N, C-alpha and C. Protein backbone atom coordinates (compact mmCIF):
# COMPACT_ATOMS: atom_id res chain seq x y z
N UNK A 1 3.00 -25.32 -17.21
CA UNK A 1 3.97 -26.22 -17.98
C UNK A 1 5.30 -25.67 -18.58
N UNK A 2 5.27 -24.04 -18.54
CA UNK A 2 6.20 -23.42 -19.21
C UNK A 2 7.29 -23.13 -17.69
N UNK A 3 7.00 -23.20 -16.83
CA UNK A 3 7.92 -23.32 -15.53
C UNK A 3 8.68 -24.64 -15.27
N UNK A 4 7.98 -25.81 -15.92
CA UNK A 4 8.87 -26.77 -15.58
C UNK A 4 9.89 -27.04 -17.07
N UNK A 5 9.53 -26.55 -18.32
CA UNK A 5 10.39 -26.25 -19.28
C UNK A 5 11.78 -25.42 -18.78
N UNK A 6 11.42 -24.23 -18.23
CA UNK A 6 12.60 -23.00 -18.02
C UNK A 6 13.44 -24.03 -16.78
N UNK A 7 12.74 -24.61 -15.99
CA UNK A 7 13.86 -25.54 -15.15
C UNK A 7 14.68 -26.57 -15.76
N UNK A 8 13.92 -27.35 -16.80
CA UNK A 8 14.78 -28.40 -17.13
C UNK A 8 16.05 -27.39 -18.50
N UNK A 9 15.30 -26.59 -18.77
CA UNK A 9 16.42 -25.75 -19.57
C UNK A 9 17.71 -25.52 -18.78
N UNK A 10 17.46 -24.87 -17.74
CA UNK A 10 18.51 -24.42 -16.71
C UNK A 10 19.15 -25.49 -16.30
N UNK A 11 18.67 -26.73 -15.61
CA UNK A 11 19.60 -27.88 -15.57
C UNK A 11 20.29 -28.49 -17.20
N UNK A 12 19.92 -28.07 -18.22
CA UNK A 12 20.63 -28.78 -19.26
C UNK A 12 19.88 -29.81 -19.69
N UNK A 13 18.58 -30.25 -19.22
CA UNK A 13 17.80 -31.34 -19.69
C UNK A 13 16.73 -30.94 -20.66
N UNK A 14 17.38 -30.89 -22.19
CA UNK A 14 16.71 -30.63 -23.30
C UNK A 14 16.98 -31.84 -24.11
N UNK A 15 15.77 -32.22 -25.06
CA UNK A 15 16.37 -33.07 -25.96
C UNK A 15 16.84 -32.26 -27.25
N UNK A 16 18.36 -32.62 -27.74
CA UNK A 16 18.81 -32.00 -28.92
C UNK A 16 18.11 -31.96 -30.20
N UNK A 17 18.37 -31.06 -31.02
CA UNK A 17 17.87 -30.96 -32.45
C UNK A 17 18.27 -31.70 -33.48
N UNK A 18 19.67 -32.08 -33.04
CA UNK A 18 20.25 -32.85 -33.78
C UNK A 18 20.97 -34.39 -33.02
N UNK A 19 20.62 -35.50 -33.79
CA UNK A 19 21.37 -36.80 -33.00
C UNK A 19 20.21 -37.44 -32.48
N UNK A 20 18.69 -37.19 -33.17
CA UNK A 20 17.98 -37.92 -32.34
C UNK A 20 17.59 -39.51 -33.05
N UNK A 21 17.31 -40.17 -32.50
CA UNK A 21 16.83 -41.53 -32.69
C UNK A 21 15.10 -41.61 -32.93
N UNK A 22 14.14 -41.43 -31.66
CA UNK A 22 12.98 -41.24 -31.69
C UNK A 22 12.89 -39.79 -31.43
N UNK A 23 12.65 -39.51 -30.13
CA UNK A 23 12.16 -38.20 -29.75
C UNK A 23 13.43 -37.28 -28.95
N UNK A 24 14.52 -37.85 -28.49
CA UNK A 24 15.96 -37.56 -28.11
C UNK A 24 15.99 -37.25 -26.79
N UNK A 25 14.94 -38.07 -26.08
CA UNK A 25 15.33 -38.20 -24.78
C UNK A 25 16.80 -38.81 -24.30
N UNK A 26 17.02 -39.77 -24.58
CA UNK A 26 18.29 -40.72 -24.42
C UNK A 26 19.52 -39.83 -24.55
N UNK A 27 19.37 -39.28 -25.64
CA UNK A 27 20.26 -37.99 -26.39
C UNK A 27 20.52 -36.74 -25.39
N UNK A 28 19.21 -36.33 -24.79
CA UNK A 28 19.40 -35.26 -24.10
C UNK A 28 19.76 -35.67 -22.73
N UNK A 29 19.59 -36.86 -22.50
CA UNK A 29 19.95 -37.31 -20.55
C UNK A 29 21.31 -37.68 -20.54
N UNK A 30 21.92 -38.35 -22.21
CA UNK A 30 23.47 -38.25 -22.28
C UNK A 30 24.24 -36.85 -22.13
N UNK A 31 23.56 -36.21 -22.74
CA UNK A 31 24.26 -34.87 -22.98
C UNK A 31 24.36 -34.33 -21.45
N UNK A 32 22.96 -34.37 -20.61
CA UNK A 32 22.96 -33.43 -19.53
C UNK A 32 24.35 -34.15 -18.40
N UNK A 33 24.09 -36.06 -18.49
CA UNK A 33 25.34 -36.58 -17.69
C UNK A 33 26.72 -36.53 -18.23
N UNK A 34 26.75 -36.13 -19.59
CA UNK A 34 28.25 -36.27 -20.09
C UNK A 34 28.57 -37.40 -20.86
N UNK A 35 27.60 -38.20 -21.19
CA UNK A 35 27.84 -39.27 -21.76
C UNK A 35 27.68 -39.42 -23.29
N UNK A 36 28.03 -40.24 -24.24
CA UNK A 36 27.54 -40.27 -25.65
C UNK A 36 26.19 -40.85 -25.72
N UNK A 37 25.70 -40.66 -26.52
CA UNK A 37 24.02 -40.87 -26.89
C UNK A 37 24.19 -42.26 -26.87
N UNK A 38 24.73 -43.15 -27.56
CA UNK A 38 24.26 -44.40 -27.67
C UNK A 38 24.70 -45.24 -26.70
N UNK A 39 25.65 -45.03 -25.57
CA UNK A 39 25.70 -45.68 -24.47
C UNK A 39 24.61 -45.60 -23.25
N UNK A 40 24.34 -44.03 -23.24
CA UNK A 40 23.27 -43.52 -22.68
C UNK A 40 21.72 -44.12 -23.10
N UNK A 41 21.92 -44.71 -24.22
CA UNK A 41 20.28 -45.36 -24.87
C UNK A 41 20.30 -46.82 -24.33
N UNK A 42 21.68 -47.26 -24.61
CA UNK A 42 21.83 -48.63 -24.16
C UNK A 42 21.76 -48.69 -22.39
N UNK A 43 22.38 -47.49 -21.51
CA UNK A 43 21.99 -47.84 -20.29
C UNK A 43 20.39 -47.39 -20.21
N UNK A 44 19.89 -46.71 -20.51
CA UNK A 44 18.24 -46.24 -20.38
C UNK A 44 17.55 -47.44 -20.51
N UNK A 45 18.04 -48.20 -21.70
CA UNK A 45 17.05 -49.93 -21.97
C UNK A 45 17.23 -50.94 -21.25
N UNK A 46 18.92 -50.82 -20.37
CA UNK A 46 18.70 -51.79 -19.20
C UNK A 46 18.04 -51.56 -18.09
N UNK A 47 18.02 -50.14 -17.66
CA UNK A 47 17.34 -49.64 -16.53
C UNK A 47 15.97 -49.86 -16.58
N UNK A 48 15.37 -49.73 -17.42
CA UNK A 48 13.78 -49.93 -18.10
C UNK A 48 13.55 -51.47 -17.88
N UNK A 49 14.50 -52.25 -18.29
CA UNK A 49 14.22 -53.75 -18.37
C UNK A 49 14.19 -54.14 -17.02
N UNK A 50 14.81 -53.53 -15.96
CA UNK A 50 14.70 -54.11 -14.69
C UNK A 50 13.37 -53.65 -13.78
N UNK A 51 12.76 -52.83 -14.78
CA UNK A 51 11.09 -52.28 -14.31
C UNK A 51 10.58 -52.72 -14.99
N UNK A 52 9.53 -54.10 -15.12
CA UNK A 52 8.91 -54.35 -16.11
C UNK A 52 7.86 -53.40 -16.19
N UNK A 53 7.34 -52.88 -17.55
CA UNK A 53 6.34 -52.28 -17.82
C UNK A 53 6.78 -50.80 -18.15
N UNK A 54 7.76 -50.36 -17.49
CA UNK A 54 8.19 -48.89 -17.08
C UNK A 54 8.54 -48.62 -18.69
N UNK A 55 8.57 -48.83 -19.51
CA UNK A 55 9.08 -48.68 -20.59
C UNK A 55 7.93 -47.93 -21.37
N UNK A 56 6.75 -48.22 -21.04
CA UNK A 56 5.84 -47.69 -21.77
C UNK A 56 5.30 -46.54 -21.21
N UNK A 57 5.31 -46.09 -20.11
CA UNK A 57 5.36 -44.66 -19.20
C UNK A 57 6.23 -43.66 -19.25
N UNK A 58 7.68 -44.17 -19.10
CA UNK A 58 8.75 -43.30 -18.53
C UNK A 58 9.18 -42.45 -20.10
N UNK A 59 9.30 -43.18 -20.88
CA UNK A 59 9.86 -42.70 -22.05
C UNK A 59 8.63 -41.77 -22.93
N UNK A 60 7.55 -42.06 -22.94
CA UNK A 60 6.74 -41.01 -23.30
C UNK A 60 6.49 -39.67 -22.57
N UNK A 61 6.39 -39.95 -21.08
CA UNK A 61 6.61 -38.97 -20.18
C UNK A 61 7.58 -37.92 -20.30
N UNK A 62 9.04 -38.44 -20.53
CA UNK A 62 9.90 -37.65 -20.33
C UNK A 62 9.76 -37.13 -21.52
N UNK A 63 9.79 -37.53 -22.95
CA UNK A 63 9.36 -36.98 -24.16
C UNK A 63 8.27 -35.73 -23.79
N UNK A 64 7.22 -35.79 -23.13
CA UNK A 64 6.54 -34.66 -22.76
C UNK A 64 6.86 -33.76 -22.24
N UNK A 65 7.86 -33.87 -21.09
CA UNK A 65 8.23 -32.96 -20.21
C UNK A 65 9.36 -32.07 -20.56
N UNK A 66 10.72 -32.95 -21.46
CA UNK A 66 11.58 -32.38 -21.75
C UNK A 66 11.31 -31.69 -22.92
N UNK A 67 11.71 -30.26 -22.94
CA UNK A 67 11.66 -29.44 -24.05
C UNK A 67 12.89 -29.65 -25.26
N UNK A 68 12.37 -29.35 -26.41
CA UNK A 68 13.19 -29.29 -27.23
C UNK A 68 14.39 -28.45 -27.39
N UNK A 69 15.40 -28.53 -27.69
CA UNK A 69 16.49 -27.55 -28.15
C UNK A 69 16.07 -26.79 -28.85
N UNK A 70 16.13 -25.10 -28.75
CA UNK A 70 15.66 -24.24 -29.54
C UNK A 70 16.64 -24.34 -30.68
N UNK A 71 16.34 -24.35 -32.18
CA UNK A 71 16.66 -24.28 -33.05
C UNK A 71 17.10 -23.19 -33.65
N UNK A 72 18.35 -23.06 -34.07
CA UNK A 72 18.96 -21.29 -34.66
C UNK A 72 19.07 -21.52 -36.04
N UNK A 73 18.31 -20.52 -36.48
CA UNK A 73 18.36 -20.54 -38.03
C UNK A 73 19.46 -19.52 -38.37
N UNK A 74 20.28 -19.28 -39.34
CA UNK A 74 21.24 -18.17 -39.51
C UNK A 74 20.74 -17.70 -40.71
N UNK A 75 20.92 -16.25 -40.06
CA UNK A 75 20.10 -15.13 -41.52
C UNK A 75 20.95 -15.50 -42.62
N UNK A 76 20.05 -14.86 -43.73
CA UNK A 76 20.48 -15.24 -45.16
C UNK A 76 21.90 -14.56 -45.47
N UNK A 77 23.11 -15.28 -46.01
CA UNK A 77 24.32 -14.63 -46.25
C UNK A 77 23.86 -13.23 -47.39
N UNK A 78 24.88 -12.46 -47.31
CA UNK A 78 24.87 -11.27 -48.36
C UNK A 78 25.04 -12.08 -49.33
N UNK A 79 25.59 -13.15 -49.95
CA UNK A 79 25.51 -13.68 -51.62
C UNK A 79 24.21 -13.90 -51.87
N UNK A 80 23.30 -14.42 -50.90
CA UNK A 80 21.95 -14.76 -51.51
C UNK A 80 21.17 -13.34 -51.50
N UNK A 81 21.27 -12.50 -50.65
CA UNK A 81 20.67 -11.16 -50.95
C UNK A 81 20.95 -10.59 -52.09
N UNK A 82 22.39 -10.35 -52.87
CA UNK A 82 22.78 -9.79 -54.03
C UNK A 82 22.22 -10.63 -55.15
N UNK A 83 22.39 -11.77 -55.13
CA UNK A 83 21.32 -12.60 -56.37
C UNK A 83 20.01 -12.08 -56.61
N UNK A 84 19.38 -12.08 -55.35
CA UNK A 84 18.23 -11.57 -55.53
C UNK A 84 18.12 -10.29 -56.13
N UNK A 85 18.38 -9.65 -56.39
CA UNK A 85 18.43 -8.06 -56.88
C UNK A 85 18.09 -8.21 -58.03
């Protein structure tokens, strides 16, 4: 499964840490294809409405397959380090 995650990361298909509504699938797809998250969500819903029943399968599968964007944590600043002394 890690090779699938690596392949998707290389292609830019990741679920963002910020701006998620549910799982971040539509925001990630929108980011990958260069559109804002809300139009991507609407387009995703419209496409899924054309294929009845696919909503139940497609979104959860993409949620599992698409890796989450790595969260970067900033190191503590020197102000906090000085106040702890």
